[in-house]
Amino acid sequence: MSANGGTKAIVAALLANAGIAVTKFVAFLLTGSSSMLAESIHSVADSGNQGLLLLGGRRAKRAATPQHPFGYGRERYIYAFIVSIVLFSVGGLFALYEAYHKWSHAEGITSWHWVPVVVLVAAIIMETFSFRTAIVESNLVRGNQSWVKFVRRAKAPELPVVLLEDLGALVGLVFALFGVGMTLITGNGRWDAVGTAMIGVLLVAIAIILAIETKSLLLGEGAEAHDVAALEKAVTDGPEFERIIHMKTLYLGPEELMVAAKVAVPAGVTAEVLARSINTVEGRIRAAVPTARVIYLEPDIYHASAERAVAGNASPAEPGGVAGRPGS
């Protein structure tokens, strides 16, 4: 994912949610609708989340230090994980609590009846523009993947987070409109509580999905299958090495892949020739997979018995790269 594309989607979502939060809160003050209050807090949480994503992207650009020799690229994953926690606690749990409170003390909307409907319709329009921006920016990097696969396998967390947040915001607004509309029609405030509870369940579900996917990124994921194939071809597509004995990949950040491989070299090769061979293959690797920025090639003499011993001692996730999340 390009950093510019992710930033554009985040800023669009931030501006939309900040404006929507203000109008929703005004509507809540005028009507006392719990759905409007839940949606107000939801928009405030989303605005804070977009701020966190921007902060994470900025901090991830810091140069490597002796204490952090591989840089700070994973800060983007950390802040995305914090977003899921904020969405779960501030958005989802608050909405569920407010729904419980409203159900126990049900009151209809007795004044300013038109305000919540107008605000919600306007919010849906603004949120649609934000969602459209996220879709357009995601399509630039999604390729032919399905949307589910894109969310599950994207190494850069910003666009999937914004996509799910905007989708949740749109569906939540529909739920709020349902609760408010039924309350206005029936005069029964418990419909407002139902709409609020639906918003809470939705936000908790989205937060759990984000937490699971971001946790996998934090633990460390390897390259996708097509990148692993390209790396293998780059290593073996020349006379320098006889074969790959084993190879491992790991994303140090959304746009920085580490490649470590033990490669078989002909017996008797000189150090000078070996050094030139390694430099040549590293160039092919970077050309084939531009995100492969940290490369370690360990030369060795190939023995089939040694390879079997290595394979027998390796965990199931070690050979090659890991494509997608666990369970993908």
C-alpha atoms as a PDB file:
ATOM      1  CA  MET A   1       0.000   0.000   0.000  1.00  0.00           C
ATOM      2  CA  SER A   2       1.313   3.400  -0.821  1.00  0.00           C
ATOM      3  CA  ALA A   3       1.694   5.651   2.174  1.00  0.00           C
ATOM      4  CA  ASN A   4       0.039   8.489   0.271  1.00  0.00           C
ATOM      5  CA  GLY A   5      -3.024   6.378  -0.509  1.00  0.00           C
ATOM      6  CA  GLY A   6      -3.428   5.314   3.098  1.00  0.00           C
ATOM      7  CA  THR A   7      -2.989   8.869   4.381  1.00  0.00           C
ATOM      8  CA  LYS A   8      -5.562  10.228   1.932  1.00  0.00           C
ATOM      9  CA  ALA A   9      -8.165   7.715   3.092  1.00  0.00           C
ATOM     10  CA  ILE A  10      -7.381   8.382   6.767  1.00  0.00           C
ATOM     11  CA  VAL A  11      -7.659  12.165   6.385  1.00  0.00           C
ATOM     12  CA  ALA A  12     -10.946  11.849   4.485  1.00  0.00           C
ATOM     13  CA  ALA A  13     -12.348   9.624   7.245  1.00  0.00           C
ATOM     14  CA  LEU A  14     -11.050  11.950   9.974  1.00  0.00           C
ATOM     15  CA  LEU A  15     -12.695  15.037   8.464  1.00  0.00           C
ATOM     16  CA  ALA A  16     -15.980  13.220   7.892  1.00  0.00           C
ATOM     17  CA  ASN A  17     -16.132  11.718  11.382  1.00  0.00           C
ATOM     18  CA  ALA A  18     -15.189  14.955  13.140  1.00  0.00           C
ATOM     19  CA  GLY A  19     -18.005  16.831  11.406  1.00  0.00           C
ATOM     20  CA  ILE A  20     -20.486  14.005  11.915  1.00  0.00           C
ATOM     21  CA  ALA A  21     -19.635  13.715  15.624  1.00  0.00           C
ATOM     22  CA  VAL A  22     -20.524  17.345  16.249  1.00  0.00           C
ATOM     23  CA  THR A  23     -23.882  17.157  14.465  1.00  0.00           C
ATOM     24  CA  LYS A  24     -24.814  13.878  16.163  1.00  0.00           C
ATOM     25  CA  PHE A  25     -24.011  15.228  19.600  1.00  0.00           C
ATOM     26  CA  VAL A  26     -26.125  18.321  18.976  1.00  0.00           C
ATOM     27  CA  ALA A  27     -28.985  16.052  17.921  1.00  0.00           C
ATOM     28  CA  PHE A  28     -28.579  14.013  21.114  1.00  0.00           C
ATOM     29  CA  LEU A  29     -28.703  17.149  23.274  1.00  0.00           C
ATOM     30  CA  LEU A  30     -31.916  18.249  21.557  1.00  0.00           C
ATOM     31  CA  THR A  31     -33.688  14.862  21.555  1.00  0.00           C
ATOM     32  CA  GLY A  32     -32.132  12.678  24.267  1.00  0.00           C
ATOM     33  CA  SER A  33     -31.941   9.759  21.808  1.00  0.00           C
ATOM     34  CA  SER A  34     -29.612   6.987  23.008  1.00  0.00           C
ATOM     35  CA  SER A  35     -28.955   5.965  19.391  1.00  0.00           C
ATOM     36  CA  MET A  36     -27.730   9.477  18.699  1.00  0.00           C
ATOM     37  CA  LEU A  37     -25.501   9.392  21.782  1.00  0.00           C
ATOM     38  CA  ALA A  38     -24.063   5.997  20.801  1.00  0.00           C
ATOM     39  CA  GLU A  39     -23.401   7.252  17.283  1.00  0.00           C
ATOM     40  CA  SER A  40     -21.822  10.436  18.659  1.00  0.00           C
ATOM     41  CA  ILE A  41     -19.375   8.422  20.760  1.00  0.00           C
ATOM     42  CA  HIS A  42     -18.799   6.108  17.796  1.00  0.00           C
ATOM     43  CA  SER A  43     -17.799   9.046  15.596  1.00  0.00           C
ATOM     44  CA  VAL A  44     -15.584  10.500  18.327  1.00  0.00           C
ATOM     45  CA  ALA A  45     -13.868   7.108  18.709  1.00  0.00           C
ATOM     46  CA  ASP A  46     -13.416   6.850  14.931  1.00  0.00           C
ATOM     47  CA  SER A  47     -11.915  10.351  14.798  1.00  0.00           C
ATOM     48  CA  GLY A  48      -9.475   9.412  17.550  1.00  0.00           C
ATOM     49  CA  ASN A  49      -8.647   6.201  15.727  1.00  0.00           C
ATOM     50  CA  GLN A  50      -7.783   8.027  12.536  1.00  0.00           C
ATOM     51  CA  GLY A  51      -5.548  10.321  14.574  1.00  0.00           C
ATOM     52  CA  LEU A  52      -3.816   7.246  16.005  1.00  0.00           C
ATOM     53  CA  LEU A  53      -3.247   5.811  12.515  1.00  0.00           C
ATOM     54  CA  LEU A  54      -1.699   9.081  11.341  1.00  0.00           C
ATOM     55  CA  LEU A  55       0.522   9.179  14.444  1.00  0.00           C
ATOM     56  CA  GLY A  56       1.592   5.575  13.918  1.00  0.00           C
ATOM     57  CA  GLY A  57       2.470   6.255  10.286  1.00  0.00           C
ATOM     58  CA  ARG A  58       4.577   9.245  11.293  1.00  0.00           C
ATOM     59  CA  ARG A  59       6.431   7.440  14.084  1.00  0.00           C
ATOM     60  CA  ALA A  60       7.114   4.441  11.836  1.00  0.00           C
ATOM     61  CA  LYS A  61       9.243   6.659   9.574  1.00  0.00           C
ATOM     62  CA  ARG A  62      11.911   7.181  12.241  1.00  0.00           C
ATOM     63  CA  ALA A  63      15.397   6.009  11.316  1.00  0.00           C
ATOM     64  CA  ALA A  64      16.816   2.807  12.753  1.00  0.00           C
ATOM     65  CA  THR A  65      18.827   3.055  15.974  1.00  0.00           C
ATOM     66  CA  PRO A  66      21.311   0.698  17.668  1.00  0.00           C
ATOM     67  CA  GLN A  67      18.523  -0.332  20.039  1.00  0.00           C
ATOM     68  CA  HIS A  68      16.079  -0.864  17.153  1.00  0.00           C
ATOM     69  CA  PRO A  69      18.346  -1.829  14.249  1.00  0.00           C
ATOM     70  CA  PHE A  70      15.464  -2.836  11.981  1.00  0.00           C
ATOM     71  CA  GLY A  71      13.677   0.500  12.424  1.00  0.00           C
ATOM     72  CA  TYR A  72      10.185   1.303  13.647  1.00  0.00           C
ATOM     73  CA  GLY A  73       7.987   0.032  10.816  1.00  0.00           C
ATOM     74  CA  ARG A  74       5.921  -2.141  13.146  1.00  0.00           C
ATOM     75  CA  GLU A  75       4.658   0.922  15.018  1.00  0.00           C
ATOM     76  CA  ARG A  76       1.951   1.053  12.355  1.00  0.00           C
ATOM     77  CA  TYR A  77       0.774  -2.371  13.543  1.00  0.00           C
ATOM     78  CA  ILE A  78       0.847  -1.307  17.193  1.00  0.00           C
ATOM     79  CA  TYR A  79      -1.305   1.759  16.602  1.00  0.00           C
ATOM     80  CA  ALA A  80      -3.726  -0.263  14.468  1.00  0.00           C
ATOM     81  CA  PHE A  81      -4.076  -2.699  17.368  1.00  0.00           C
ATOM     82  CA  ILE A  82      -4.762   0.200  19.745  1.00  0.00           C
ATOM     83  CA  VAL A  83      -7.482   1.317  17.317  1.00  0.00           C
ATOM     84  CA  SER A  84      -9.233  -2.036  17.733  1.00  0.00           C
ATOM     85  CA  ILE A  85      -9.127  -1.664  21.526  1.00  0.00           C
ATOM     86  CA  VAL A  86     -10.551   1.865  21.368  1.00  0.00           C
ATOM     87  CA  LEU A  87     -13.298   0.759  18.988  1.00  0.00           C
ATOM     88  CA  PHE A  88     -14.179  -2.160  21.286  1.00  0.00           C
ATOM     89  CA  SER A  89     -14.196  -0.243  24.568  1.00  0.00           C
ATOM     90  CA  VAL A  90     -15.145   3.346  23.728  1.00  0.00           C
ATOM     91  CA  GLY A  91     -17.444   2.494  20.825  1.00  0.00           C
ATOM     92  CA  GLY A  92     -18.902  -0.983  21.301  1.00  0.00           C
ATOM     93  CA  LEU A  93     -19.089  -1.418  25.081  1.00  0.00           C
ATOM     94  CA  PHE A  94     -20.378   2.124  25.627  1.00  0.00           C
ATOM     95  CA  ALA A  95     -23.159   1.564  23.082  1.00  0.00           C
ATOM     96  CA  LEU A  96     -24.163  -1.707  24.771  1.00  0.00           C
ATOM     97  CA  TYR A  97     -24.214  -0.017  28.179  1.00  0.00           C
ATOM     98  CA  GLU A  98     -26.288   2.855  26.803  1.00  0.00           C
ATOM     99  CA  ALA A  99     -28.701   0.366  25.228  1.00  0.00           C
ATOM    100  CA  TYR A 100     -29.158  -1.397  28.579  1.00  0.00           C
ATOM    101  CA  HIS A 101     -29.742   1.919  30.340  1.00  0.00           C
ATOM    102  CA  LYS A 102     -32.238   3.091  27.699  1.00  0.00           C
ATOM    103  CA  TRP A 103     -34.128  -0.220  27.819  1.00  0.00           C
ATOM    104  CA  SER A 104     -34.496   0.108  31.609  1.00  0.00           C
ATOM    105  CA  HIS A 105     -35.587   3.747  31.370  1.00  0.00           C
ATOM    106  CA  ALA A 106     -37.335   3.891  28.023  1.00  0.00           C
ATOM    107  CA  GLU A 107     -38.435   7.349  26.920  1.00  0.00           C
ATOM    108  CA  GLY A 108     -39.697   8.445  23.547  1.00  0.00           C
ATOM    109  CA  ILE A 109     -38.423  11.422  21.573  1.00  0.00           C
ATOM    110  CA  THR A 110     -40.701  14.231  22.726  1.00  0.00           C
ATOM    111  CA  SER A 111     -39.172  17.245  20.968  1.00  0.00           C
ATOM    112  CA  TRP A 112     -37.217  18.185  17.881  1.00  0.00           C
ATOM    113  CA  HIS A 113     -38.560  15.066  16.179  1.00  0.00           C
ATOM    114  CA  TRP A 114     -37.086  15.888  12.775  1.00  0.00           C
ATOM    115  CA  VAL A 115     -33.545  16.624  14.009  1.00  0.00           C
ATOM    116  CA  PRO A 116     -32.188  13.045  14.426  1.00  0.00           C
ATOM    117  CA  VAL A 117     -33.578  11.938  11.078  1.00  0.00           C
ATOM    118  CA  VAL A 118     -32.033  14.889   9.227  1.00  0.00           C
ATOM    119  CA  VAL A 119     -28.711  14.460  11.044  1.00  0.00           C
ATOM    120  CA  LEU A 120     -28.556  10.737  10.335  1.00  0.00           C
ATOM    121  CA  VAL A 121     -29.373  11.155   6.655  1.00  0.00           C
ATOM    122  CA  ALA A 122     -26.723  13.897   6.337  1.00  0.00           C
ATOM    123  CA  ALA A 123     -24.235  11.681   8.199  1.00  0.00           C
ATOM    124  CA  ILE A 124     -24.922   8.780   5.833  1.00  0.00           C
ATOM    125  CA  ILE A 125     -24.180  11.051   2.865  1.00  0.00           C
ATOM    126  CA  MET A 126     -20.890  12.308   4.383  1.00  0.00           C
ATOM    127  CA  GLU A 127     -19.831   8.828   5.492  1.00  0.00           C
ATOM    128  CA  THR A 128     -20.541   7.492   2.002  1.00  0.00           C
ATOM    129  CA  PHE A 129     -18.006   9.919   0.524  1.00  0.00           C
ATOM    130  CA  SER A 130     -15.420   8.824   3.095  1.00  0.00           C
ATOM    131  CA  PHE A 131     -16.125   5.148   2.383  1.00  0.00           C
ATOM    132  CA  ARG A 132     -15.855   5.784  -1.359  1.00  0.00           C
ATOM    133  CA  THR A 133     -12.401   7.340  -0.871  1.00  0.00           C
ATOM    134  CA  ALA A 134     -11.253   4.290   1.085  1.00  0.00           C
ATOM    135  CA  ILE A 135     -12.577   1.976  -1.629  1.00  0.00           C
ATOM    136  CA  VAL A 136     -10.878   3.929  -4.433  1.00  0.00           C
ATOM    137  CA  GLU A 137      -7.521   3.973  -2.612  1.00  0.00           C
ATOM    138  CA  SER A 138      -7.814   0.270  -1.723  1.00  0.00           C
ATOM    139  CA  ASN A 139      -8.564  -0.681  -5.325  1.00  0.00           C
ATOM    140  CA  LEU A 140      -5.204   0.803  -6.344  1.00  0.00           C
ATOM    141  CA  VAL A 141      -3.400  -1.904  -4.359  1.00  0.00           C
ATOM    142  CA  ARG A 142      -6.013  -4.668  -3.968  1.00  0.00           C
ATOM    143  CA  GLY A 143      -5.460  -6.214  -7.398  1.00  0.00           C
ATOM    144  CA  ASN A 144      -7.751  -9.166  -8.088  1.00  0.00           C
ATOM    145  CA  GLN A 145      -8.139 -10.138  -4.428  1.00  0.00           C
ATOM    146  CA  SER A 146     -11.589 -10.331  -2.889  1.00  0.00           C
ATOM    147  CA  TRP A 147     -12.367  -7.732  -0.239  1.00  0.00           C
ATOM    148  CA  VAL A 148     -12.245 -10.353   2.518  1.00  0.00           C
ATOM    149  CA  LYS A 149      -8.840 -11.578   1.350  1.00  0.00           C
ATOM    150  CA  PHE A 150      -7.583  -7.997   1.050  1.00  0.00           C
ATOM    151  CA  VAL A 151      -8.532  -7.217   4.659  1.00  0.00           C
ATOM    152  CA  ARG A 152      -7.042 -10.488   5.903  1.00  0.00           C
ATOM    153  CA  ARG A 153      -3.772 -10.389   3.958  1.00  0.00           C
ATOM    154  CA  ALA A 154      -2.883  -6.704   3.635  1.00  0.00           C
ATOM    155  CA  LYS A 155       0.467  -6.010   5.286  1.00  0.00           C
ATOM    156  CA  ALA A 156      -0.258  -2.282   5.614  1.00  0.00           C
ATOM    157  CA  PRO A 157      -3.022  -1.954   8.223  1.00  0.00           C
ATOM    158  CA  GLU A 158      -4.366   1.532   7.505  1.00  0.00           C
ATOM    159  CA  LEU A 159      -6.658   0.902   4.541  1.00  0.00           C
ATOM    160  CA  PRO A 160      -8.282  -2.259   5.982  1.00  0.00           C
ATOM    161  CA  VAL A 161      -8.860  -0.419   9.268  1.00  0.00           C
ATOM    162  CA  VAL A 162     -10.426   2.603   7.557  1.00  0.00           C
ATOM    163  CA  LEU A 163     -12.511   0.346   5.309  1.00  0.00           C
ATOM    164  CA  LEU A 164     -13.958  -1.591   8.239  1.00  0.00           C
ATOM    165  CA  GLU A 165     -14.501   1.563  10.286  1.00  0.00           C
ATOM    166  CA  ASP A 166     -16.321   3.321   7.439  1.00  0.00           C
ATOM    167  CA  LEU A 167     -18.391   0.235   6.703  1.00  0.00           C
ATOM    168  CA  GLY A 168     -19.261  -0.054  10.384  1.00  0.00           C
ATOM    169  CA  ALA A 169     -20.132   3.634  10.499  1.00  0.00           C
ATOM    170  CA  LEU A 170     -22.507   3.339   7.529  1.00  0.00           C
ATOM    171  CA  VAL A 171     -24.244   0.244   8.871  1.00  0.00           C
ATOM    172  CA  GLY A 172     -24.375   1.799  12.340  1.00  0.00           C
ATOM    173  CA  LEU A 173     -26.063   4.892  10.931  1.00  0.00           C
ATOM    174  CA  VAL A 174     -28.697   2.673   9.313  1.00  0.00           C
ATOM    175  CA  PHE A 175     -29.236   0.936  12.668  1.00  0.00           C
ATOM    176  CA  ALA A 176     -29.561   4.315  14.388  1.00  0.00           C
ATOM    177  CA  LEU A 177     -32.025   5.506  11.749  1.00  0.00           C
ATOM    178  CA  PHE A 178     -34.050   2.337  12.313  1.00  0.00           C
ATOM    179  CA  GLY A 179     -34.119   2.837  16.092  1.00  0.00           C
ATOM    180  CA  VAL A 180     -34.978   6.528  15.894  1.00  0.00           C
ATOM    181  CA  GLY A 181     -37.559   5.999  13.152  1.00  0.00           C
ATOM    182  CA  MET A 182     -39.372   3.242  15.042  1.00  0.00           C
ATOM    183  CA  THR A 183     -39.316   5.352  18.214  1.00  0.00           C
ATOM    184  CA  LEU A 184     -40.881   8.288  16.385  1.00  0.00           C
ATOM    185  CA  ILE A 185     -43.511   6.044  14.782  1.00  0.00           C
ATOM    186  CA  THR A 186     -44.474   4.074  17.909  1.00  0.00           C
ATOM    187  CA  GLY A 187     -43.562   6.494  20.674  1.00  0.00           C
ATOM    188  CA  ASN A 188     -41.803   3.565  22.409  1.00  0.00           C
ATOM    189  CA  GLY A 189     -38.263   4.463  23.507  1.00  0.00           C
ATOM    190  CA  ARG A 190     -37.222   0.818  23.625  1.00  0.00           C
ATOM    191  CA  TRP A 191     -36.854   0.852  19.849  1.00  0.00           C
ATOM    192  CA  ASP A 192     -34.143   3.451  20.389  1.00  0.00           C
ATOM    193  CA  ALA A 193     -32.471   1.013  22.783  1.00  0.00           C
ATOM    194  CA  VAL A 194     -32.692  -1.762  20.183  1.00  0.00           C
ATOM    195  CA  GLY A 195     -30.964   0.428  17.585  1.00  0.00           C
ATOM    196  CA  THR A 196     -28.268   1.311  20.113  1.00  0.00           C
ATOM    197  CA  ALA A 197     -27.688  -2.353  20.986  1.00  0.00           C
ATOM    198  CA  MET A 198     -27.351  -3.227  17.295  1.00  0.00           C
ATOM    199  CA  ILE A 199     -24.691  -0.523  16.966  1.00  0.00           C
ATOM    200  CA  GLY A 200     -22.839  -1.894  19.991  1.00  0.00           C
ATOM    201  CA  VAL A 201     -22.812  -5.479  18.694  1.00  0.00           C
ATOM    202  CA  LEU A 202     -21.625  -4.272  15.283  1.00  0.00           C
ATOM    203  CA  LEU A 203     -18.732  -2.271  16.732  1.00  0.00           C
ATOM    204  CA  VAL A 204     -17.630  -5.093  19.023  1.00  0.00           C
ATOM    205  CA  ALA A 205     -17.617  -7.517  16.072  1.00  0.00           C
ATOM    206  CA  ILE A 206     -15.537  -5.154  13.901  1.00  0.00           C
ATOM    207  CA  ALA A 207     -13.129  -4.499  16.790  1.00  0.00           C
ATOM    208  CA  ILE A 208     -12.595  -8.238  17.299  1.00  0.00           C
ATOM    209  CA  ILE A 209     -11.881  -8.744  13.581  1.00  0.00           C
ATOM    210  CA  LEU A 210      -9.368  -5.881  13.597  1.00  0.00           C
ATOM    211  CA  ALA A 211      -7.698  -7.182  16.757  1.00  0.00           C
ATOM    212  CA  ILE A 212      -7.289 -10.694  15.319  1.00  0.00           C
ATOM    213  CA  GLU A 213      -5.841  -9.480  12.026  1.00  0.00           C
ATOM    214  CA  THR A 214      -3.517  -6.902  13.615  1.00  0.00           C
ATOM    215  CA  LYS A 215      -2.334  -9.414  16.223  1.00  0.00           C
ATOM    216  CA  SER A 216      -1.156 -11.657  13.403  1.00  0.00           C
ATOM    217  CA  LEU A 217       0.830  -8.771  11.910  1.00  0.00           C
ATOM    218  CA  LEU A 218       2.366  -7.958  15.292  1.00  0.00           C
ATOM    219  CA  LEU A 219       3.465 -11.567  15.767  1.00  0.00           C
ATOM    220  CA  GLY A 220       5.186 -11.429  12.392  1.00  0.00           C
ATOM    221  CA  GLU A 221       4.041 -12.615   8.983  1.00  0.00           C
ATOM    222  CA  GLY A 222       6.028 -13.886   6.044  1.00  0.00           C
ATOM    223  CA  ALA A 223       5.688 -13.064   2.373  1.00  0.00           C
ATOM    224  CA  GLU A 224       2.699 -14.148   0.325  1.00  0.00           C
ATOM    225  CA  ALA A 225       3.007 -17.255  -1.841  1.00  0.00           C
ATOM    226  CA  HIS A 226       3.486 -15.278  -5.084  1.00  0.00           C
ATOM    227  CA  ASP A 227       6.305 -13.237  -3.510  1.00  0.00           C
ATOM    228  CA  VAL A 228       7.946 -16.400  -2.149  1.00  0.00           C
ATOM    229  CA  ALA A 229       7.869 -17.876  -5.658  1.00  0.00           C
ATOM    230  CA  ALA A 230       9.397 -14.676  -7.075  1.00  0.00           C
ATOM    231  CA  LEU A 231      12.134 -14.747  -4.425  1.00  0.00           C
ATOM    232  CA  GLU A 232      12.957 -18.383  -5.147  1.00  0.00           C
ATOM    233  CA  LYS A 233      13.138 -17.676  -8.871  1.00  0.00           C
ATOM    234  CA  ALA A 234      15.398 -14.678  -8.278  1.00  0.00           C
ATOM    235  CA  VAL A 235      17.813 -16.764  -6.219  1.00  0.00           C
ATOM    236  CA  THR A 236      17.971 -19.744  -8.562  1.00  0.00           C
ATOM    237  CA  ASP A 237      17.553 -17.963 -11.923  1.00  0.00           C
ATOM    238  CA  GLY A 238      21.272 -17.834 -12.591  1.00  0.00           C
ATOM    239  CA  PRO A 239      24.492 -19.839 -12.283  1.00  0.00           C
ATOM    240  CA  GLU A 240      25.532 -18.386  -8.918  1.00  0.00           C
ATOM    241  CA  PHE A 241      23.846 -20.918  -6.594  1.00  0.00           C
ATOM    242  CA  GLU A 242      22.894 -24.539  -7.126  1.00  0.00           C
ATOM    243  CA  ARG A 243      19.701 -24.424  -5.082  1.00  0.00           C
ATOM    244  CA  ILE A 244      17.955 -22.973  -2.011  1.00  0.00           C
ATOM    245  CA  ILE A 245      18.474 -25.196   1.020  1.00  0.00           C
ATOM    246  CA  HIS A 246      15.870 -23.300   3.020  1.00  0.00           C
ATOM    247  CA  MET A 247      14.470 -19.766   3.135  1.00  0.00           C
ATOM    248  CA  LYS A 248      12.497 -17.686   5.626  1.00  0.00           C
ATOM    249  CA  THR A 249      10.792 -14.308   5.210  1.00  0.00           C
ATOM    250  CA  LEU A 250       9.429 -11.814   7.723  1.00  0.00           C
ATOM    251  CA  TYR A 251       7.788  -8.407   7.400  1.00  0.00           C
ATOM    252  CA  LEU A 252       9.648  -5.904   9.583  1.00  0.00           C
ATOM    253  CA  GLY A 253       7.029  -3.329   8.635  1.00  0.00           C
ATOM    254  CA  PRO A 254       4.320  -2.952   5.993  1.00  0.00           C
ATOM    255  CA  GLU A 255       6.835  -2.080   3.292  1.00  0.00           C
ATOM    256  CA  GLU A 256      10.010  -3.801   4.499  1.00  0.00           C
ATOM    257  CA  LEU A 257      10.514  -7.536   4.036  1.00  0.00           C
ATOM    258  CA  MET A 258      13.434  -9.463   5.497  1.00  0.00           C
ATOM    259  CA  VAL A 259      14.680 -12.449   3.475  1.00  0.00           C
ATOM    260  CA  ALA A 260      17.050 -15.002   5.003  1.00  0.00           C
ATOM    261  CA  ALA A 261      18.162 -17.989   2.927  1.00  0.00           C
ATOM    262  CA  LYS A 262      20.748 -20.716   3.080  1.00  0.00           C
ATOM    263  CA  VAL A 263      21.937 -21.389  -0.449  1.00  0.00           C
ATOM    264  CA  ALA A 264      24.027 -24.160  -1.945  1.00  0.00           C
ATOM    265  CA  VAL A 265      27.247 -23.112  -3.680  1.00  0.00           C
ATOM    266  CA  PRO A 266      29.601 -25.239  -5.773  1.00  0.00           C
ATOM    267  CA  ALA A 267      32.455 -26.819  -3.837  1.00  0.00           C
ATOM    268  CA  GLY A 268      35.755 -25.006  -4.156  1.00  0.00           C
ATOM    269  CA  VAL A 269      34.329 -21.583  -5.072  1.00  0.00           C
ATOM    270  CA  THR A 270      36.599 -18.704  -4.022  1.00  0.00           C
ATOM    271  CA  ALA A 271      35.590 -15.971  -1.596  1.00  0.00           C
ATOM    272  CA  GLU A 272      35.839 -13.308  -4.309  1.00  0.00           C
ATOM    273  CA  VAL A 273      33.512 -15.195  -6.637  1.00  0.00           C
ATOM    274  CA  LEU A 274      31.160 -15.945  -3.769  1.00  0.00           C
ATOM    275  CA  ALA A 275      30.948 -12.265  -2.791  1.00  0.00           C
ATOM    276  CA  ARG A 276      30.137 -11.263  -6.376  1.00  0.00           C
ATOM    277  CA  SER A 277      27.513 -14.011  -6.590  1.00  0.00           C
ATOM    278  CA  ILE A 278      25.794 -12.834  -3.406  1.00  0.00           C
ATOM    279  CA  ASN A 279      25.714  -9.224  -4.621  1.00  0.00           C
ATOM    280  CA  THR A 280      24.280 -10.290  -7.971  1.00  0.00           C
ATOM    281  CA  VAL A 281      21.539 -12.401  -6.422  1.00  0.00           C
ATOM    282  CA  GLU A 282      20.649  -9.667  -3.916  1.00  0.00           C
ATOM    283  CA  GLY A 283      20.128  -7.317  -6.862  1.00  0.00           C
ATOM    284  CA  ARG A 284      17.799  -9.806  -8.545  1.00  0.00           C
ATOM    285  CA  ILE A 285      15.854 -10.263  -5.308  1.00  0.00           C
ATOM    286  CA  ARG A 286      15.298  -6.525  -4.886  1.00  0.00           C
ATOM    287  CA  ALA A 287      14.223  -6.217  -8.506  1.00  0.00           C
ATOM    288  CA  ALA A 288      11.765  -9.104  -8.181  1.00  0.00           C
ATOM    289  CA  VAL A 289      10.287  -8.056  -4.811  1.00  0.00           C
ATOM    290  CA  PRO A 290      10.988  -4.354  -4.101  1.00  0.00           C
ATOM    291  CA  THR A 291       9.880  -4.651  -0.475  1.00  0.00           C
ATOM    292  CA  ALA A 292      12.761  -7.108   0.169  1.00  0.00           C
ATOM    293  CA  ARG A 293      15.098  -4.572   1.733  1.00  0.00           C
ATOM    294  CA  VAL A 294      16.918  -6.683   4.343  1.00  0.00           C
ATOM    295  CA  ILE A 295      18.570  -9.730   2.763  1.00  0.00           C
ATOM    296  CA  TYR A 296      20.806 -12.346   4.346  1.00  0.00           C
ATOM    297  CA  LEU A 297      22.254 -15.102   2.156  1.00  0.00           C
ATOM    298  CA  GLU A 298      24.231 -17.846   3.881  1.00  0.00           C
ATOM    299  CA  PRO A 299      26.339 -19.989   1.516  1.00  0.00           C
ATOM    300  CA  ASP A 300      26.770 -23.666   2.254  1.00  0.00           C
ATOM    301  CA  ILE A 301      27.680 -26.940   0.575  1.00  0.00           C
ATOM    302  CA  TYR A 302      24.514 -28.892  -0.121  1.00  0.00           C
ATOM    303  CA  HIS A 303      24.062 -32.329   1.445  1.00  0.00           C
ATOM    304  CA  ALA A 304      20.685 -34.075   1.171  1.00  0.00           C
ATOM    305  CA  SER A 305      21.076 -35.634   4.627  1.00  0.00           C
ATOM    306  CA  ALA A 306      21.658 -32.221   6.224  1.00  0.00           C
ATOM    307  CA  GLU A 307      18.563 -30.783   4.524  1.00  0.00           C
ATOM    308  CA  ARG A 308      16.439 -33.647   5.851  1.00  0.00           C
ATOM    309  CA  ALA A 309      17.762 -33.003   9.353  1.00  0.00           C
ATOM    310  CA  VAL A 310      16.910 -29.298   9.108  1.00  0.00           C
ATOM    311  CA  ALA A 311      13.423 -30.075   7.786  1.00  0.00           C
ATOM    312  CA  GLY A 312      12.827 -32.560  10.589  1.00  0.00           C
ATOM    313  CA  ASN A 313      13.728 -30.031  13.284  1.00  0.00           C
ATOM    314  CA  ALA A 314      11.781 -27.101  11.776  1.00  0.00           C
ATOM    315  CA  SER A 315       8.336 -26.112  12.960  1.00  0.00           C
ATOM    316  CA  PRO A 316       5.484 -26.321  10.398  1.00  0.00           C
ATOM    317  CA  ALA A 317       5.541 -22.549   9.855  1.00  0.00           C
ATOM    318  CA  GLU A 318       9.285 -22.267   9.200  1.00  0.00           C
ATOM    319  CA  PRO A 319       9.964 -23.413   5.627  1.00  0.00           C
ATOM    320  CA  GLY A 320       9.516 -20.661   3.066  1.00  0.00           C
ATOM    321  CA  GLY A 321       7.174 -17.750   3.637  1.00  0.00           C
ATOM    322  CA  VAL A 322       3.867 -17.697   5.444  1.00  0.00           C
ATOM    323  CA  ALA A 323       1.021 -16.691   3.131  1.00  0.00           C
ATOM    324  CA  GLY A 324      -1.821 -14.885   4.871  1.00  0.00           C
ATOM    325  CA  ARG A 325      -3.077 -15.062   8.439  1.00  0.00           C
ATOM    326  CA  PRO A 326      -3.184 -18.253  10.478  1.00  0.00           C
ATOM    327  CA  GLY A 327      -6.206 -20.144   9.307  1.00  0.00           C
ATOM    328  CA  SER A 328      -6.268 -18.367   5.926  1.00  0.00           C
END
